[in-house]
């Protein structure tokens, strides 16, 4: 499971958190950051294509952080078959 959110207290940048990859050392901090931010989109990735999907998400985040307007629906449709 992942969530893309926009930081509201710091830089205003879009960020992603992969909840299934959190461990005891960073779980509370990362969840708190995501909850403090503005929710953009979330979903589940297929395990066998997860690394490819993460590259697509990184590219989409770069575009969002450069100011490109991408709707949540378009974001998710760009992930296509990577979503579970």
C-alpha atoms as a PDB file:
ATOM      1  CA  UNK A   1       0.000   0.000   0.000  1.00  0.00           C
ATOM      2  CA  UNK A   2       1.204   3.490  -0.813  1.00  0.00           C
ATOM      3  CA  UNK A   3       0.011   7.035  -0.322  1.00  0.00           C
ATOM      4  CA  UNK A   4       0.986  10.155  -2.205  1.00  0.00           C
ATOM      5  CA  UNK A   5       0.543  13.324  -0.213  1.00  0.00           C
ATOM      6  CA  UNK A   6       1.555  16.955  -0.360  1.00  0.00           C
ATOM      7  CA  UNK A   7       3.523  18.380   2.524  1.00  0.00           C
ATOM      8  CA  UNK A   8       1.681  21.311   4.031  1.00  0.00           C
ATOM      9  CA  UNK A   9       4.050  22.284   6.827  1.00  0.00           C
ATOM     10  CA  UNK A  10       7.375  22.259   4.984  1.00  0.00           C
ATOM     11  CA  UNK A  11       8.192  22.518   1.312  1.00  0.00           C
ATOM     12  CA  UNK A  12       4.789  21.866  -0.248  1.00  0.00           C
ATOM     13  CA  UNK A  13       6.357  19.028  -2.230  1.00  0.00           C
ATOM     14  CA  UNK A  14       4.543  15.856  -3.171  1.00  0.00           C
ATOM     15  CA  UNK A  15       5.892  12.760  -1.438  1.00  0.00           C
ATOM     16  CA  UNK A  16       5.111   9.053  -1.334  1.00  0.00           C
ATOM     17  CA  UNK A  17       5.138   6.621   1.551  1.00  0.00           C
ATOM     18  CA  UNK A  18       5.089   2.865   1.015  1.00  0.00           C
ATOM     19  CA  UNK A  19       3.417   1.585   4.169  1.00  0.00           C
ATOM     20  CA  UNK A  20       4.334  -2.041   3.529  1.00  0.00           C
ATOM     21  CA  UNK A  21       8.045  -1.139   3.528  1.00  0.00           C
ATOM     22  CA  UNK A  22       8.115   0.699   6.840  1.00  0.00           C
ATOM     23  CA  UNK A  23       9.920  -0.846   9.778  1.00  0.00           C
ATOM     24  CA  UNK A  24       9.915  -0.140  13.500  1.00  0.00           C
ATOM     25  CA  UNK A  25      12.560   2.595  13.125  1.00  0.00           C
ATOM     26  CA  UNK A  26      10.701   4.812  10.682  1.00  0.00           C
ATOM     27  CA  UNK A  27       7.066   3.716  10.887  1.00  0.00           C
ATOM     28  CA  UNK A  28       5.755   6.355  13.305  1.00  0.00           C
ATOM     29  CA  UNK A  29       7.627   9.264  11.718  1.00  0.00           C
ATOM     30  CA  UNK A  30       6.585   8.446   8.155  1.00  0.00           C
ATOM     31  CA  UNK A  31       2.953   7.842   9.080  1.00  0.00           C
ATOM     32  CA  UNK A  32       2.859  11.117  11.031  1.00  0.00           C
ATOM     33  CA  UNK A  33       4.284  13.008   8.027  1.00  0.00           C
ATOM     34  CA  UNK A  34       1.701  11.500   5.703  1.00  0.00           C
ATOM     35  CA  UNK A  35      -1.154  12.262   8.100  1.00  0.00           C
ATOM     36  CA  UNK A  36       0.025  15.857   8.493  1.00  0.00           C
ATOM     37  CA  UNK A  37       0.077  16.310   4.727  1.00  0.00           C
ATOM     38  CA  UNK A  38      -2.687  16.798   2.207  1.00  0.00           C
ATOM     39  CA  UNK A  39      -3.844  13.456   0.806  1.00  0.00           C
ATOM     40  CA  UNK A  40      -3.522  13.174  -2.964  1.00  0.00           C
ATOM     41  CA  UNK A  41      -3.946   9.499  -3.878  1.00  0.00           C
ATOM     42  CA  UNK A  42      -3.395   6.012  -2.489  1.00  0.00           C
ATOM     43  CA  UNK A  43      -3.528   2.441  -3.644  1.00  0.00           C
ATOM     44  CA  UNK A  44      -2.070  -1.032  -3.651  1.00  0.00           C
ATOM     45  CA  UNK A  45       0.722  -2.177  -5.946  1.00  0.00           C
ATOM     46  CA  UNK A  46       1.069  -5.664  -7.370  1.00  0.00           C
ATOM     47  CA  UNK A  47       4.031  -7.256  -5.633  1.00  0.00           C
ATOM     48  CA  UNK A  48       5.656  -8.711  -8.740  1.00  0.00           C
ATOM     49  CA  UNK A  49       5.766  -5.321 -10.547  1.00  0.00           C
ATOM     50  CA  UNK A  50       6.382  -3.171  -7.485  1.00  0.00           C
ATOM     51  CA  UNK A  51       9.836  -1.887  -8.486  1.00  0.00           C
ATOM     52  CA  UNK A  52       8.635  -0.819 -11.942  1.00  0.00           C
ATOM     53  CA  UNK A  53       5.611   0.878 -10.375  1.00  0.00           C
ATOM     54  CA  UNK A  54       7.843   2.771  -7.954  1.00  0.00           C
ATOM     55  CA  UNK A  55       9.825   4.177 -10.891  1.00  0.00           C
ATOM     56  CA  UNK A  56       6.581   5.379 -12.508  1.00  0.00           C
ATOM     57  CA  UNK A  57       5.488   6.964  -9.209  1.00  0.00           C
ATOM     58  CA  UNK A  58       8.859   8.730  -8.887  1.00  0.00           C
ATOM     59  CA  UNK A  59       8.485  10.154 -12.404  1.00  0.00           C
ATOM     60  CA  UNK A  60       4.948  11.347 -11.654  1.00  0.00           C
ATOM     61  CA  UNK A  61       6.110  12.970  -8.406  1.00  0.00           C
ATOM     62  CA  UNK A  62       8.866  14.812 -10.267  1.00  0.00           C
ATOM     63  CA  UNK A  63       6.302  16.171 -12.704  1.00  0.00           C
ATOM     64  CA  UNK A  64       3.957  17.237  -9.893  1.00  0.00           C
ATOM     65  CA  UNK A  65       6.799  18.932  -8.017  1.00  0.00           C
ATOM     66  CA  UNK A  66       7.762  20.856 -11.166  1.00  0.00           C
ATOM     67  CA  UNK A  67       4.237  22.281 -11.181  1.00  0.00           C
ATOM     68  CA  UNK A  68       2.549  20.086 -13.758  1.00  0.00           C
ATOM     69  CA  UNK A  69      -1.159  19.614 -13.091  1.00  0.00           C
ATOM     70  CA  UNK A  70      -1.992  15.927 -12.780  1.00  0.00           C
ATOM     71  CA  UNK A  71      -5.340  14.840 -11.383  1.00  0.00           C
ATOM     72  CA  UNK A  72      -5.544  11.931  -8.937  1.00  0.00           C
ATOM     73  CA  UNK A  73      -7.459   9.945 -11.570  1.00  0.00           C
ATOM     74  CA  UNK A  74      -4.770  10.556 -14.183  1.00  0.00           C
ATOM     75  CA  UNK A  75      -2.070   9.656 -11.657  1.00  0.00           C
ATOM     76  CA  UNK A  76      -3.732   6.312 -10.950  1.00  0.00           C
ATOM     77  CA  UNK A  77      -4.440   5.622 -14.617  1.00  0.00           C
ATOM     78  CA  UNK A  78      -0.723   6.159 -15.334  1.00  0.00           C
ATOM     79  CA  UNK A  79      -0.038   3.239 -13.001  1.00  0.00           C
ATOM     80  CA  UNK A  80      -2.423   1.018 -14.967  1.00  0.00           C
ATOM     81  CA  UNK A  81      -1.658  -2.672 -14.505  1.00  0.00           C
ATOM     82  CA  UNK A  82       0.766  -1.987 -11.647  1.00  0.00           C
ATOM     83  CA  UNK A  83      -2.207  -1.466  -9.334  1.00  0.00           C
ATOM     84  CA  UNK A  84      -3.698  -4.421  -7.519  1.00  0.00           C
END
